[in-house]
Amino acid sequence: MRQIHLWLGLGVAVSTAATDAVYVMFSAAVAGRRRIPAATWSSVWYLLSAFAVISYTRNWVYVCFAALGSWIGAYLSMSFLRHPADREQTARGEPRASA
């Protein structure tokens, strides 16, 4: 087995976290039928995914870092992405329902 480079692994994890966060934002824009944000998030998504793919294809162990980063990115994005009903309640001054 090849030697694992921690900094490269962390770079892959951060890259995939950012990639999945952008994917969640892209999906939200598509669901909200917002064309310009969806197109913008889509292009950013492809740019970010390039680093992860190029980095871990030479050593399969980096796929684990990519999976970790992917999970973290999607989880954090969904944590900060609020449902439209929550926004309406907040705008009316009502307390937000906890998840």
N, C-alpha and C. Protein backbone atom coordinates (compact mmCIF):
# COMPACT_ATOMS: atom_id res chain seq x y z
N MET A 1 0.85 -1.19 0.00
CA MET A 1 0.00 0.00 0.00
C MET A 1 0.89 1.24 0.00
N ARG A 2 0.48 2.23 -0.72
CA ARG A 2 1.24 3.48 -0.79
C ARG A 2 1.09 4.27 0.50
N GLN A 3 1.99 5.20 0.67
CA GLN A 3 1.95 6.08 1.84
C GLN A 3 0.81 7.08 1.68
N ILE A 4 0.10 7.32 2.79
CA ILE A 4 -1.00 8.29 2.79
C ILE A 4 -0.44 9.65 3.16
N HIS A 5 -0.78 10.67 2.39
CA HIS A 5 -0.36 12.03 2.68
C HIS A 5 -1.54 12.75 3.34
N LEU A 6 -1.37 13.07 4.63
CA LEU A 6 -2.46 13.64 5.42
C LEU A 6 -2.99 14.93 4.81
N TRP A 7 -2.09 15.83 4.39
CA TRP A 7 -2.54 17.11 3.84
C TRP A 7 -3.34 16.93 2.56
N LEU A 8 -2.93 15.99 1.73
CA LEU A 8 -3.68 15.71 0.51
C LEU A 8 -5.05 15.12 0.86
N GLY A 9 -5.06 14.21 1.83
CA GLY A 9 -6.33 13.63 2.28
C GLY A 9 -7.26 14.69 2.83
N LEU A 10 -6.73 15.60 3.63
CA LEU A 10 -7.56 16.68 4.16
C LEU A 10 -8.04 17.61 3.05
N GLY A 11 -7.17 17.84 2.07
CA GLY A 11 -7.57 18.65 0.92
C GLY A 11 -8.71 18.01 0.15
N VAL A 12 -8.65 16.69 -0.02
CA VAL A 12 -9.73 15.97 -0.69
C VAL A 12 -11.01 16.07 0.13
N ALA A 13 -10.91 15.90 1.47
CA ALA A 13 -12.09 15.98 2.32
C ALA A 13 -12.73 17.37 2.25
N VAL A 14 -11.91 18.40 2.32
CA VAL A 14 -12.44 19.78 2.24
C VAL A 14 -13.04 20.04 0.86
N SER A 15 -12.37 19.57 -0.17
CA SER A 15 -12.87 19.76 -1.52
C SER A 15 -14.22 19.08 -1.72
N THR A 16 -14.35 17.85 -1.24
CA THR A 16 -15.62 17.17 -1.42
C THR A 16 -16.70 17.74 -0.51
N ALA A 17 -16.32 18.24 0.66
CA ALA A 17 -17.30 18.92 1.52
C ALA A 17 -17.85 20.14 0.80
N ALA A 18 -16.96 20.91 0.21
CA ALA A 18 -17.39 22.09 -0.54
C ALA A 18 -18.21 21.68 -1.76
N THR A 19 -17.81 20.61 -2.42
CA THR A 19 -18.53 20.13 -3.59
C THR A 19 -19.95 19.74 -3.23
N ASP A 20 -20.11 18.99 -2.13
CA ASP A 20 -21.45 18.58 -1.74
C ASP A 20 -22.29 19.75 -1.23
N ALA A 21 -21.65 20.70 -0.56
CA ALA A 21 -22.38 21.89 -0.12
C ALA A 21 -22.92 22.64 -1.34
N VAL A 22 -22.10 22.76 -2.36
CA VAL A 22 -22.52 23.43 -3.59
C VAL A 22 -23.61 22.62 -4.29
N TYR A 23 -23.50 21.29 -4.26
CA TYR A 23 -24.53 20.44 -4.87
C TYR A 23 -25.88 20.64 -4.18
N VAL A 24 -25.86 20.74 -2.85
CA VAL A 24 -27.10 20.97 -2.11
C VAL A 24 -27.70 22.32 -2.51
N MET A 25 -26.85 23.34 -2.64
CA MET A 25 -27.34 24.65 -3.05
C MET A 25 -27.89 24.61 -4.49
N PHE A 26 -27.22 23.84 -5.34
CA PHE A 26 -27.69 23.66 -6.71
C PHE A 26 -29.07 23.00 -6.70
N SER A 27 -29.22 21.93 -5.91
CA SER A 27 -30.50 21.22 -5.83
C SER A 27 -31.61 22.13 -5.30
N ALA A 28 -31.28 22.94 -4.30
CA ALA A 28 -32.27 23.88 -3.75
C ALA A 28 -32.68 24.91 -4.81
N ALA A 29 -31.71 25.38 -5.58
CA ALA A 29 -32.03 26.34 -6.63
C ALA A 29 -32.91 25.70 -7.71
N VAL A 30 -32.62 24.45 -8.05
CA VAL A 30 -33.45 23.74 -9.03
C VAL A 30 -34.86 23.54 -8.48
N ALA A 31 -34.96 23.09 -7.22
CA ALA A 31 -36.27 22.88 -6.61
C ALA A 31 -37.05 24.19 -6.52
N GLY A 32 -36.34 25.29 -6.31
CA GLY A 32 -36.98 26.60 -6.25
C GLY A 32 -37.20 27.22 -7.61
N ARG A 33 -36.81 26.49 -8.66
CA ARG A 33 -36.98 26.94 -10.05
C ARG A 33 -36.31 28.28 -10.30
N ARG A 34 -35.11 28.44 -9.75
CA ARG A 34 -34.32 29.66 -9.96
C ARG A 34 -33.20 29.32 -10.92
N ARG A 35 -33.33 29.77 -12.15
CA ARG A 35 -32.44 29.34 -13.23
C ARG A 35 -31.01 29.85 -13.09
N ILE A 36 -30.84 31.15 -12.85
CA ILE A 36 -29.48 31.70 -12.78
C ILE A 36 -28.71 31.12 -11.59
N PRO A 37 -29.30 31.09 -10.38
CA PRO A 37 -28.56 30.45 -9.28
C PRO A 37 -28.26 28.98 -9.55
N ALA A 38 -29.20 28.25 -10.15
CA ALA A 38 -28.96 26.83 -10.45
C ALA A 38 -27.80 26.67 -11.42
N ALA A 39 -27.76 27.49 -12.44
CA ALA A 39 -26.67 27.40 -13.42
C ALA A 39 -25.34 27.78 -12.79
N THR A 40 -25.36 28.79 -11.94
CA THR A 40 -24.12 29.22 -11.28
C THR A 40 -23.61 28.14 -10.34
N TRP A 41 -24.51 27.59 -9.49
CA TRP A 41 -24.08 26.52 -8.57
C TRP A 41 -23.61 25.30 -9.34
N SER A 42 -24.23 25.00 -10.47
CA SER A 42 -23.81 23.86 -11.28
C SER A 42 -22.38 24.02 -11.78
N SER A 43 -22.05 25.20 -12.26
CA SER A 43 -20.69 25.41 -12.77
C SER A 43 -19.66 25.35 -11.65
N VAL A 44 -19.99 25.90 -10.49
CA VAL A 44 -19.08 25.84 -9.34
C VAL A 44 -18.90 24.39 -8.90
N TRP A 45 -19.98 23.62 -8.93
CA TRP A 45 -19.96 22.21 -8.53
C TRP A 45 -18.95 21.44 -9.38
N TYR A 46 -18.99 21.64 -10.68
CA TYR A 46 -18.05 20.92 -11.54
C TYR A 46 -16.61 21.37 -11.34
N LEU A 47 -16.39 22.63 -11.10
CA LEU A 47 -15.02 23.10 -10.85
C LEU A 47 -14.44 22.49 -9.58
N LEU A 48 -15.24 22.44 -8.52
CA LEU A 48 -14.76 21.89 -7.26
C LEU A 48 -14.52 20.38 -7.32
N SER A 49 -15.35 19.69 -8.07
CA SER A 49 -15.21 18.23 -8.12
C SER A 49 -13.93 17.79 -8.83
N ALA A 50 -13.37 18.64 -9.64
CA ALA A 50 -12.16 18.28 -10.39
C ALA A 50 -11.00 17.94 -9.47
N PHE A 51 -10.77 18.73 -8.43
CA PHE A 51 -9.65 18.47 -7.52
C PHE A 51 -9.79 17.11 -6.86
N ALA A 52 -10.97 16.81 -6.34
CA ALA A 52 -11.17 15.54 -5.65
C ALA A 52 -10.96 14.36 -6.58
N VAL A 53 -11.51 14.42 -7.76
CA VAL A 53 -11.39 13.30 -8.70
C VAL A 53 -9.94 13.09 -9.09
N ILE A 54 -9.26 14.15 -9.43
CA ILE A 54 -7.86 14.02 -9.85
C ILE A 54 -6.99 13.53 -8.69
N SER A 55 -7.26 13.99 -7.49
CA SER A 55 -6.42 13.65 -6.34
C SER A 55 -6.55 12.20 -5.91
N TYR A 56 -7.75 11.66 -5.87
CA TYR A 56 -7.87 10.31 -5.31
C TYR A 56 -7.86 9.20 -6.34
N THR A 57 -7.78 9.49 -7.60
CA THR A 57 -7.78 8.41 -8.58
C THR A 57 -6.46 7.64 -8.60
N ARG A 58 -5.40 8.22 -8.09
CA ARG A 58 -4.12 7.51 -8.05
C ARG A 58 -3.99 6.59 -6.85
N ASN A 59 -4.82 6.79 -5.83
CA ASN A 59 -4.79 5.94 -4.65
C ASN A 59 -6.21 5.84 -4.11
N TRP A 60 -6.77 4.65 -4.09
CA TRP A 60 -8.17 4.44 -3.71
C TRP A 60 -8.49 4.87 -2.29
N VAL A 61 -7.49 4.96 -1.42
CA VAL A 61 -7.74 5.33 -0.03
C VAL A 61 -8.33 6.74 0.06
N TYR A 62 -8.00 7.60 -0.90
CA TYR A 62 -8.52 8.96 -0.88
C TYR A 62 -10.03 9.00 -1.11
N VAL A 63 -10.59 7.91 -1.63
CA VAL A 63 -12.03 7.84 -1.77
C VAL A 63 -12.71 7.94 -0.40
N CYS A 64 -12.07 7.39 0.63
CA CYS A 64 -12.61 7.48 2.00
C CYS A 64 -12.66 8.93 2.45
N PHE A 65 -11.60 9.69 2.15
CA PHE A 65 -11.59 11.11 2.49
C PHE A 65 -12.69 11.84 1.70
N ALA A 66 -12.87 11.46 0.45
CA ALA A 66 -13.91 12.08 -0.37
C ALA A 66 -15.30 11.78 0.19
N ALA A 67 -15.51 10.55 0.61
CA ALA A 67 -16.81 10.19 1.19
C ALA A 67 -17.06 10.97 2.47
N LEU A 68 -16.05 11.11 3.30
CA LEU A 68 -16.19 11.89 4.53
C LEU A 68 -16.52 13.34 4.22
N GLY A 69 -15.79 13.93 3.32
CA GLY A 69 -16.05 15.31 2.94
C GLY A 69 -17.43 15.50 2.33
N SER A 70 -17.86 14.53 1.53
CA SER A 70 -19.17 14.58 0.93
C SER A 70 -20.26 14.59 1.99
N TRP A 71 -20.13 13.71 2.96
CA TRP A 71 -21.13 13.63 4.04
C TRP A 71 -21.17 14.93 4.83
N ILE A 72 -20.00 15.44 5.18
CA ILE A 72 -19.93 16.68 5.97
C ILE A 72 -20.54 17.84 5.19
N GLY A 73 -20.22 17.95 3.92
CA GLY A 73 -20.75 19.05 3.12
C GLY A 73 -22.26 19.01 3.00
N ALA A 74 -22.81 17.83 2.73
CA ALA A 74 -24.26 17.72 2.61
C ALA A 74 -24.95 17.97 3.95
N TYR A 75 -24.39 17.44 5.02
CA TYR A 75 -24.99 17.62 6.35
C TYR A 75 -25.01 19.10 6.74
N LEU A 76 -23.87 19.76 6.60
CA LEU A 76 -23.80 21.17 6.98
C LEU A 76 -24.70 22.04 6.11
N SER A 77 -24.74 21.73 4.81
CA SER A 77 -25.59 22.51 3.91
C SER A 77 -27.06 22.36 4.29
N MET A 78 -27.47 21.14 4.57
CA MET A 78 -28.87 20.93 4.94
C MET A 78 -29.18 21.54 6.30
N SER A 79 -28.19 21.65 7.16
CA SER A 79 -28.39 22.27 8.47
C SER A 79 -28.67 23.76 8.32
N PHE A 80 -28.04 24.39 7.34
CA PHE A 80 -28.19 25.83 7.16
C PHE A 80 -29.26 26.21 6.14
N LEU A 81 -29.75 25.23 5.39
CA LEU A 81 -30.77 25.47 4.39
C LEU A 81 -32.13 25.34 5.06
N ARG A 82 -32.85 26.43 5.16
CA ARG A 82 -34.13 26.42 5.86
C ARG A 82 -35.28 26.19 4.89
N HIS A 83 -36.32 25.56 5.39
CA HIS A 83 -37.54 25.29 4.63
C HIS A 83 -38.30 26.61 4.45
N PRO A 84 -38.98 26.82 3.32
CA PRO A 84 -39.72 28.06 3.10
C PRO A 84 -40.73 28.37 4.22
N ALA A 85 -41.36 27.36 4.79
CA ALA A 85 -42.32 27.59 5.88
C ALA A 85 -41.62 28.19 7.09
N ASP A 86 -40.38 27.76 7.35
CA ASP A 86 -39.61 28.32 8.46
C ASP A 86 -39.32 29.79 8.23
N ARG A 87 -39.00 30.16 6.98
CA ARG A 87 -38.73 31.56 6.65
C ARG A 87 -39.98 32.42 6.86
N GLU A 88 -41.14 31.88 6.46
CA GLU A 88 -42.39 32.62 6.64
C GLU A 88 -42.70 32.83 8.12
N GLN A 89 -42.49 31.79 8.93
CA GLN A 89 -42.74 31.91 10.37
C GLN A 89 -41.80 32.93 10.98
N THR A 90 -40.54 32.89 10.59
CA THR A 90 -39.56 33.83 11.12
C THR A 90 -39.93 35.25 10.72
N ALA A 91 -40.39 35.45 9.48
CA ALA A 91 -40.77 36.77 9.02
C ALA A 91 -41.97 37.32 9.79
N ARG A 92 -42.85 36.41 10.22
CA ARG A 92 -44.02 36.83 10.98
C ARG A 92 -43.71 36.96 12.48
N GLY A 93 -42.48 36.62 12.87
CA GLY A 93 -42.09 36.73 14.27
C GLY A 93 -42.42 35.51 15.10
N GLU A 94 -42.87 34.43 14.44
CA GLU A 94 -43.18 33.19 15.15
C GLU A 94 -41.90 32.40 15.37
N PRO A 95 -41.84 31.64 16.46
CA PRO A 95 -40.62 30.83 16.68
C PRO A 95 -40.51 29.74 15.63
N ARG A 96 -39.29 29.44 15.28
CA ARG A 96 -39.02 28.42 14.27
C ARG A 96 -39.13 27.05 14.90
N ALA A 97 -39.76 26.10 14.20
CA ALA A 97 -39.88 24.73 14.69
C ALA A 97 -38.52 24.06 14.65
N SER A 98 -38.15 23.36 15.70
CA SER A 98 -36.85 22.68 15.72
C SER A 98 -36.98 21.33 15.03
N ALA A 99 -35.86 20.91 14.41
CA ALA A 99 -35.87 19.63 13.68
C ALA A 99 -35.24 18.56 14.49
